[in-house]
Amino acid sequence: MASCWISSASFFEQLEKALAFDSDEVNAVIKNVEVLERLFATLMTQTAPQYLPLTQGFDDKAKEAAIETFASYRPQASR
């Protein structure tokens, strides 16, 4: 039974360390999520519609058209 108590104590010590956080870091993550939400909304409304025709059809020609569209794609460098 003593080993069970030691394991539990060790578990709670590890849990305390895992749950410790810096509020500035949490706020930075929240801000980053908000930025990503805005970026996602913009991409879905302005960029994605041009690719919707590529989702039509499941035959080989449709798949080849999608591959050709993205074959020469080069991501833009982040700013």
PDB file of N, CA and C in Angstrom:
ATOM      1  N   MET A   1       0.820  -1.188   0.000  1.00  0.00           N
ATOM      2  CA  MET A   1       0.000   0.000   0.000  1.00  0.00           C
ATOM      3  C   MET A   1       0.868   1.258   0.000  1.00  0.00           C
ATOM      4  N   ALA A   2       2.048   1.183   0.623  1.00  0.00           N
ATOM      5  CA  ALA A   2       2.939   2.344   0.673  1.00  0.00           C
ATOM      6  C   ALA A   2       3.406   2.725  -0.723  1.00  0.00           C
ATOM      7  N   SER A   3       3.694   1.733  -1.556  1.00  0.00           N
ATOM      8  CA  SER A   3       4.143   2.044  -2.908  1.00  0.00           C
ATOM      9  C   SER A   3       3.037   2.734  -3.708  1.00  0.00           C
ATOM     10  N   CYS A   4       1.807   2.363  -3.421  1.00  0.00           N
ATOM     11  CA  CYS A   4       0.681   3.014  -4.081  1.00  0.00           C
ATOM     12  C   CYS A   4       0.618   4.479  -3.679  1.00  0.00           C
ATOM     13  N   TRP A   5       0.866   4.776  -2.433  1.00  0.00           N
ATOM     14  CA  TRP A   5       0.849   6.163  -1.949  1.00  0.00           C
ATOM     15  C   TRP A   5       1.978   6.965  -2.593  1.00  0.00           C
ATOM     16  N   ILE A   6       3.160   6.367  -2.677  1.00  0.00           N
ATOM     17  CA  ILE A   6       4.292   7.053  -3.293  1.00  0.00           C
ATOM     18  C   ILE A   6       3.992   7.325  -4.766  1.00  0.00           C
ATOM     19  N   SER A   7       3.432   6.346  -5.449  1.00  0.00           N
ATOM     20  CA  SER A   7       3.092   6.541  -6.853  1.00  0.00           C
ATOM     21  C   SER A   7       2.069   7.651  -7.013  1.00  0.00           C
ATOM     22  N   SER A   8       1.097   7.700  -6.134  1.00  0.00           N
ATOM     23  CA  SER A   8       0.079   8.744  -6.207  1.00  0.00           C
ATOM     24  C   SER A   8       0.691  10.108  -5.951  1.00  0.00           C
ATOM     25  N   ALA A   9       1.580  10.179  -4.966  1.00  0.00           N
ATOM     26  CA  ALA A   9       2.223  11.455  -4.661  1.00  0.00           C
ATOM     27  C   ALA A   9       3.057  11.905  -5.854  1.00  0.00           C
ATOM     28  N   SER A  10       3.792  10.991  -6.445  1.00  0.00           N
ATOM     29  CA  SER A  10       4.603  11.312  -7.616  1.00  0.00           C
ATOM     30  C   SER A  10       3.710  11.755  -8.776  1.00  0.00           C
ATOM     31  N   PHE A  11       2.597  11.081  -8.941  1.00  0.00           N
ATOM     32  CA  PHE A  11       1.660  11.435 -10.004  1.00  0.00           C
ATOM     33  C   PHE A  11       1.176  12.869  -9.831  1.00  0.00           C
ATOM     34  N   PHE A  12       0.786  13.227  -8.612  1.00  0.00           N
ATOM     35  CA  PHE A  12       0.258  14.569  -8.389  1.00  0.00           C
ATOM     36  C   PHE A  12       1.337  15.638  -8.516  1.00  0.00           C
ATOM     37  N   GLU A  13       2.567  15.296  -8.179  1.00  0.00           N
ATOM     38  CA  GLU A  13       3.665  16.246  -8.393  1.00  0.00           C
ATOM     39  C   GLU A  13       3.861  16.490  -9.886  1.00  0.00           C
ATOM     40  N   GLN A  14       3.832  15.417 -10.676  1.00  0.00           N
ATOM     41  CA  GLN A  14       3.980  15.550 -12.126  1.00  0.00           C
ATOM     42  C   GLN A  14       2.802  16.306 -12.723  1.00  0.00           C
ATOM     43  N   LEU A  15       1.612  16.044 -12.208  1.00  0.00           N
ATOM     44  CA  LEU A  15       0.420  16.732 -12.687  1.00  0.00           C
ATOM     45  C   LEU A  15       0.511  18.223 -12.393  1.00  0.00           C
ATOM     46  N   GLU A  16       1.000  18.569 -11.224  1.00  0.00           N
ATOM     47  CA  GLU A  16       1.156  19.981 -10.867  1.00  0.00           C
ATOM     48  C   GLU A  16       2.120  20.675 -11.826  1.00  0.00           C
ATOM     49  N   LYS A  17       3.227  20.012 -12.148  1.00  0.00           N
ATOM     50  CA  LYS A  17       4.187  20.579 -13.101  1.00  0.00           C
ATOM     51  C   LYS A  17       3.558  20.729 -14.486  1.00  0.00           C
ATOM     52  N   ALA A  18       2.801  19.732 -14.895  1.00  0.00           N
ATOM     53  CA  ALA A  18       2.196  19.757 -16.221  1.00  0.00           C
ATOM     54  C   ALA A  18       1.154  20.864 -16.346  1.00  0.00           C
ATOM     55  N   LEU A  19       0.461  21.158 -15.266  1.00  0.00           N
ATOM     56  CA  LEU A  19      -0.593  22.165 -15.311  1.00  0.00           C
ATOM     57  C   LEU A  19      -0.095  23.571 -15.034  1.00  0.00           C
ATOM     58  N   ALA A  20       1.165  23.703 -14.635  1.00  0.00           N
ATOM     59  CA  ALA A  20       1.727  25.030 -14.395  1.00  0.00           C
ATOM     60  C   ALA A  20       1.886  25.737 -15.736  1.00  0.00           C
ATOM     61  N   PHE A  21       1.480  26.991 -15.797  1.00  0.00           N
ATOM     62  CA  PHE A  21       1.594  27.726 -17.046  1.00  0.00           C
ATOM     63  C   PHE A  21       1.827  29.194 -16.751  1.00  0.00           C
ATOM     64  N   ASP A  22       2.329  29.855 -17.753  1.00  0.00           N
ATOM     65  CA  ASP A  22       2.582  31.288 -17.688  1.00  0.00           C
ATOM     66  C   ASP A  22       1.439  31.975 -18.419  1.00  0.00           C
ATOM     67  N   SER A  23       0.742  32.889 -17.746  1.00  0.00           N
ATOM     68  CA  SER A  23      -0.429  33.515 -18.357  1.00  0.00           C
ATOM     69  C   SER A  23      -0.069  34.291 -19.622  1.00  0.00           C
ATOM     70  N   ASP A  24       1.144  34.834 -19.703  1.00  0.00           N
ATOM     71  CA  ASP A  24       1.559  35.533 -20.926  1.00  0.00           C
ATOM     72  C   ASP A  24       1.633  34.569 -22.106  1.00  0.00           C
ATOM     73  N   GLU A  25       2.122  33.353 -21.857  1.00  0.00           N
ATOM     74  CA  GLU A  25       2.193  32.356 -22.919  1.00  0.00           C
ATOM     75  C   GLU A  25       0.796  31.952 -23.373  1.00  0.00           C
ATOM     76  N   VAL A  26      -0.104  31.790 -22.418  1.00  0.00           N
ATOM     77  CA  VAL A  26      -1.477  31.416 -22.760  1.00  0.00           C
ATOM     78  C   VAL A  26      -2.123  32.526 -23.590  1.00  0.00           C
ATOM     79  N   ASN A  27      -1.925  33.769 -23.194  1.00  0.00           N
ATOM     80  CA  ASN A  27      -2.490  34.890 -23.952  1.00  0.00           C
ATOM     81  C   ASN A  27      -1.914  34.955 -25.363  1.00  0.00           C
ATOM     82  N   ALA A  28      -0.630  34.661 -25.513  1.00  0.00           N
ATOM     83  CA  ALA A  28      -0.010  34.660 -26.834  1.00  0.00           C
ATOM     84  C   ALA A  28      -0.626  33.572 -27.713  1.00  0.00           C
ATOM     85  N   VAL A  29      -0.877  32.412 -27.144  1.00  0.00           N
ATOM     86  CA  VAL A  29      -1.493  31.320 -27.899  1.00  0.00           C
ATOM     87  C   VAL A  29      -2.901  31.715 -28.324  1.00  0.00           C
ATOM     88  N   ILE A  30      -3.644  32.322 -27.429  1.00  0.00           N
ATOM     89  CA  ILE A  30      -5.011  32.745 -27.751  1.00  0.00           C
ATOM     90  C   ILE A  30      -4.987  33.766 -28.882  1.00  0.00           C
ATOM     91  N   LYS A  31      -4.071  34.707 -28.834  1.00  0.00           N
ATOM     92  CA  LYS A  31      -3.963  35.692 -29.911  1.00  0.00           C
ATOM     93  C   LYS A  31      -3.625  35.013 -31.225  1.00  0.00           C
ATOM     94  N   ASN A  32      -2.709  34.041 -31.176  1.00  0.00           N
ATOM     95  CA  ASN A  32      -2.335  33.327 -32.395  1.00  0.00           C
ATOM     96  C   ASN A  32      -3.516  32.551 -32.973  1.00  0.00           C
ATOM     97  N   VAL A  33      -4.348  31.982 -32.117  1.00  0.00           N
ATOM     98  CA  VAL A  33      -5.524  31.260 -32.588  1.00  0.00           C
ATOM     99  C   VAL A  33      -6.486  32.231 -33.268  1.00  0.00           C
ATOM    100  N   GLU A  34      -6.642  33.412 -32.697  1.00  0.00           N
ATOM    101  CA  GLU A  34      -7.521  34.409 -33.310  1.00  0.00           C
ATOM    102  C   GLU A  34      -6.991  34.833 -34.680  1.00  0.00           C
ATOM    103  N   VAL A  35      -5.692  34.976 -34.806  1.00  0.00           N
ATOM    104  CA  VAL A  35      -5.087  35.317 -36.097  1.00  0.00           C
ATOM    105  C   VAL A  35      -5.347  34.195 -37.097  1.00  0.00           C
ATOM    106  N   LEU A  36      -5.186  32.965 -36.667  1.00  0.00           N
ATOM    107  CA  LEU A  36      -5.428  31.822 -37.556  1.00  0.00           C
ATOM    108  C   LEU A  36      -6.895  31.741 -37.976  1.00  0.00           C
ATOM    109  N   GLU A  37      -7.806  32.048 -37.055  1.00  0.00           N
ATOM    110  CA  GLU A  37      -9.227  32.045 -37.406  1.00  0.00           C
ATOM    111  C   GLU A  37      -9.523  33.064 -38.507  1.00  0.00           C
ATOM    112  N   ARG A  38      -8.957  34.262 -38.388  1.00  0.00           N
ATOM    113  CA  ARG A  38      -9.178  35.287 -39.407  1.00  0.00           C
ATOM    114  C   ARG A  38      -8.558  34.874 -40.740  1.00  0.00           C
ATOM    115  N   LEU A  39      -7.356  34.319 -40.686  1.00  0.00           N
ATOM    116  CA  LEU A  39      -6.694  33.861 -41.907  1.00  0.00           C
ATOM    117  C   LEU A  39      -7.506  32.757 -42.582  1.00  0.00           C
ATOM    118  N   PHE A  40      -7.986  31.814 -41.797  1.00  0.00           N
ATOM    119  CA  PHE A  40      -8.788  30.715 -42.334  1.00  0.00           C
ATOM    120  C   PHE A  40     -10.049  31.250 -43.006  1.00  0.00           C
ATOM    121  N   ALA A  41     -10.730  32.177 -42.348  1.00  0.00           N
ATOM    122  CA  ALA A  41     -11.950  32.757 -42.930  1.00  0.00           C
ATOM    123  C   ALA A  41     -11.646  33.446 -44.258  1.00  0.00           C
ATOM    124  N   THR A  42     -10.547  34.183 -44.298  1.00  0.00           N
ATOM    125  CA  THR A  42     -10.151  34.868 -45.532  1.00  0.00           C
ATOM    126  C   THR A  42      -9.839  33.862 -46.631  1.00  0.00           C
ATOM    127  N   LEU A  43      -9.076  32.850 -46.309  1.00  0.00           N
ATOM    128  CA  LEU A  43      -8.720  31.849 -47.315  1.00  0.00           C
ATOM    129  C   LEU A  43      -9.948  31.114 -47.838  1.00  0.00           C
ATOM    130  N   MET A  44     -10.875  30.808 -46.950  1.00  0.00           N
ATOM    131  CA  MET A  44     -12.068  30.072 -47.370  1.00  0.00           C
ATOM    132  C   MET A  44     -12.977  30.917 -48.248  1.00  0.00           C
ATOM    133  N   THR A  45     -13.030  32.213 -48.018  1.00  0.00           N
ATOM    134  CA  THR A  45     -13.933  33.044 -48.813  1.00  0.00           C
ATOM    135  C   THR A  45     -13.284  33.604 -50.073  1.00  0.00           C
ATOM    136  N   GLN A  46     -11.964  33.817 -50.054  1.00  0.00           N
ATOM    137  CA  GLN A  46     -11.310  34.465 -51.188  1.00  0.00           C
ATOM    138  C   GLN A  46     -10.470  33.526 -52.040  1.00  0.00           C
ATOM    139  N   THR A  47      -9.836  32.553 -51.438  1.00  0.00           N
ATOM    140  CA  THR A  47      -8.911  31.698 -52.181  1.00  0.00           C
ATOM    141  C   THR A  47      -9.518  30.349 -52.541  1.00  0.00           C
ATOM    142  N   ALA A  48     -10.217  29.732 -51.624  1.00  0.00           N
ATOM    143  CA  ALA A  48     -10.731  28.378 -51.834  1.00  0.00           C
ATOM    144  C   ALA A  48     -11.701  28.239 -53.002  1.00  0.00           C
ATOM    145  N   PRO A  49     -12.591  29.214 -53.260  1.00  0.00           N
ATOM    146  CA  PRO A  49     -13.569  29.008 -54.332  1.00  0.00           C
ATOM    147  C   PRO A  49     -12.967  28.664 -55.691  1.00  0.00           C
ATOM    148  N   GLN A  50     -11.774  29.148 -55.991  1.00  0.00           N
ATOM    149  CA  GLN A  50     -11.173  28.831 -57.289  1.00  0.00           C
ATOM    150  C   GLN A  50     -10.800  27.356 -57.410  1.00  0.00           C
ATOM    151  N   TYR A  51     -10.674  26.671 -56.273  1.00  0.00           N
ATOM    152  CA  TYR A  51     -10.302  25.260 -56.300  1.00  0.00           C
ATOM    153  C   TYR A  51     -11.509  24.325 -56.215  1.00  0.00           C
ATOM    154  N   LEU A  52     -12.690  24.858 -55.972  1.00  0.00           N
ATOM    155  CA  LEU A  52     -13.869  24.001 -55.841  1.00  0.00           C
ATOM    156  C   LEU A  52     -14.137  23.145 -57.073  1.00  0.00           C
ATOM    157  N   PRO A  53     -13.912  23.645 -58.288  1.00  0.00           N
ATOM    158  CA  PRO A  53     -14.135  22.771 -59.450  1.00  0.00           C
ATOM    159  C   PRO A  53     -13.264  21.509 -59.421  1.00  0.00           C
ATOM    160  N   LEU A  54     -12.138  21.558 -58.739  1.00  0.00           N
ATOM    161  CA  LEU A  54     -11.262  20.386 -58.663  1.00  0.00           C
ATOM    162  C   LEU A  54     -11.846  19.277 -57.793  1.00  0.00           C
ATOM    163  N   THR A  55     -12.895  19.592 -57.051  1.00  0.00           N
ATOM    164  CA  THR A  55     -13.504  18.579 -56.188  1.00  0.00           C
ATOM    165  C   THR A  55     -14.602  17.812 -56.905  1.00  0.00           C
ATOM    166  N   GLN A  56     -14.871  18.177 -58.147  1.00  0.00           N
ATOM    167  CA  GLN A  56     -15.933  17.516 -58.911  1.00  0.00           C
ATOM    168  C   GLN A  56     -15.360  16.312 -59.646  1.00  0.00           C
ATOM    169  N   GLY A  57     -16.008  15.204 -59.503  1.00  0.00           N
ATOM    170  CA  GLY A  57     -15.613  14.002 -60.233  1.00  0.00           C
ATOM    171  C   GLY A  57     -14.570  13.169 -59.500  1.00  0.00           C
ATOM    172  N   PHE A  58     -14.686  11.872 -59.691  1.00  0.00           N
ATOM    173  CA  PHE A  58     -13.756  10.949 -59.052  1.00  0.00           C
ATOM    174  C   PHE A  58     -13.028  10.087 -60.072  1.00  0.00           C
ATOM    175  N   ASP A  59     -13.208  10.408 -61.340  1.00  0.00           N
ATOM    176  CA  ASP A  59     -12.555   9.612 -62.365  1.00  0.00           C
ATOM    177  C   ASP A  59     -11.086  10.034 -62.512  1.00  0.00           C
ATOM    178  N   ASP A  60     -10.355   9.321 -63.334  1.00  0.00           N
ATOM    179  CA  ASP A  60      -8.923   9.585 -63.502  1.00  0.00           C
ATOM    180  C   ASP A  60      -8.649  10.981 -64.045  1.00  0.00           C
ATOM    181  N   LYS A  61      -9.486  11.459 -64.954  1.00  0.00           N
ATOM    182  CA  LYS A  61      -9.266  12.787 -65.526  1.00  0.00           C
ATOM    183  C   LYS A  61      -9.409  13.876 -64.462  1.00  0.00           C
ATOM    184  N   ALA A  62     -10.374  13.723 -63.587  1.00  0.00           N
ATOM    185  CA  ALA A  62     -10.565  14.708 -62.521  1.00  0.00           C
ATOM    186  C   ALA A  62      -9.366  14.711 -61.570  1.00  0.00           C
ATOM    187  N   LYS A  63      -8.880  13.533 -61.260  1.00  0.00           N
ATOM    188  CA  LYS A  63      -7.716  13.430 -60.371  1.00  0.00           C
ATOM    189  C   LYS A  63      -6.474  14.021 -61.036  1.00  0.00           C
ATOM    190  N   GLU A  64      -6.304  13.752 -62.319  1.00  0.00           N
ATOM    191  CA  GLU A  64      -5.160  14.298 -63.053  1.00  0.00           C
ATOM    192  C   GLU A  64      -5.214  15.820 -63.111  1.00  0.00           C
ATOM    193  N   ALA A  65      -6.416  16.369 -63.286  1.00  0.00           N
ATOM    194  CA  ALA A  65      -6.568  17.829 -63.321  1.00  0.00           C
ATOM    195  C   ALA A  65      -6.159  18.441 -61.975  1.00  0.00           C
ATOM    196  N   ALA A  66      -6.549  17.810 -60.889  1.00  0.00           N
ATOM    197  CA  ALA A  66      -6.177  18.309 -59.572  1.00  0.00           C
ATOM    198  C   ALA A  66      -4.666  18.223 -59.373  1.00  0.00           C
ATOM    199  N   ILE A  67      -4.073  17.116 -59.790  1.00  0.00           N
ATOM    200  CA  ILE A  67      -2.622  16.950 -59.650  1.00  0.00           C
ATOM    201  C   ILE A  67      -1.889  17.996 -60.474  1.00  0.00           C
ATOM    202  N   GLU A  68      -2.323  18.215 -61.687  1.00  0.00           N
ATOM    203  CA  GLU A  68      -1.686  19.214 -62.555  1.00  0.00           C
ATOM    204  C   GLU A  68      -1.765  20.615 -61.951  1.00  0.00           C
ATOM    205  N   THR A  69      -2.879  20.910 -61.317  1.00  0.00           N
ATOM    206  CA  THR A  69      -3.060  22.236 -60.719  1.00  0.00           C
ATOM    207  C   THR A  69      -2.024  22.499 -59.640  1.00  0.00           C
ATOM    208  N   PHE A  70      -1.724  21.492 -58.846  1.00  0.00           N
ATOM    209  CA  PHE A  70      -0.830  21.693 -57.710  1.00  0.00           C
ATOM    210  C   PHE A  70       0.591  21.194 -57.941  1.00  0.00           C
ATOM    211  N   ALA A  71       0.858  20.577 -59.073  1.00  0.00           N
ATOM    212  CA  ALA A  71       2.179  20.002 -59.332  1.00  0.00           C
ATOM    213  C   ALA A  71       3.298  21.046 -59.300  1.00  0.00           C
ATOM    214  N   SER A  72       3.011  22.216 -59.794  1.00  0.00           N
ATOM    215  CA  SER A  72       4.056  23.246 -59.829  1.00  0.00           C
ATOM    216  C   SER A  72       3.875  24.278 -58.710  1.00  0.00           C
ATOM    217  N   TYR A  73       3.010  23.984 -57.753  1.00  0.00           N
ATOM    218  CA  TYR A  73       2.745  24.912 -56.651  1.00  0.00           C
ATOM    219  C   TYR A  73       3.980  25.083 -55.784  1.00  0.00           C
ATOM    220  N   ARG A  74       4.330  26.303 -55.507  1.00  0.00           N
ATOM    221  CA  ARG A  74       5.437  26.632 -54.606  1.00  0.00           C
ATOM    222  C   ARG A  74       4.898  27.564 -53.545  1.00  0.00           C
ATOM    223  N   PRO A  75       4.924  27.156 -52.280  1.00  0.00           N
ATOM    224  CA  PRO A  75       4.394  28.026 -51.223  1.00  0.00           C
ATOM    225  C   PRO A  75       5.165  29.349 -51.169  1.00  0.00           C
ATOM    226  N   GLN A  76       4.456  30.409 -50.863  1.00  0.00           N
ATOM    227  CA  GLN A  76       5.088  31.696 -50.715  1.00  0.00           C
ATOM    228  C   GLN A  76       5.867  31.730 -49.410  1.00  0.00           C
ATOM    229  N   ALA A  77       6.991  32.415 -49.432  1.00  0.00           N
ATOM    230  CA  ALA A  77       7.777  32.538 -48.209  1.00  0.00           C
ATOM    231  C   ALA A  77       6.985  33.348 -47.201  1.00  0.00           C
ATOM    232  N   SER A  78       7.037  32.928 -45.938  1.00  0.00           N
ATOM    233  CA  SER A  78       6.321  33.675 -44.907  1.00  0.00           C
ATOM    234  C   SER A  78       7.012  35.002 -44.657  1.00  0.00           C
ATOM    235  N   ARG A  79       6.210  35.959 -44.309  1.00  0.00           N
ATOM    236  CA  ARG A  79       6.750  37.316 -44.136  1.00  0.00           C
ATOM    237  C   ARG A  79       7.061  37.593 -42.701  1.00  0.00           C
TER     238      ARG A  79
END
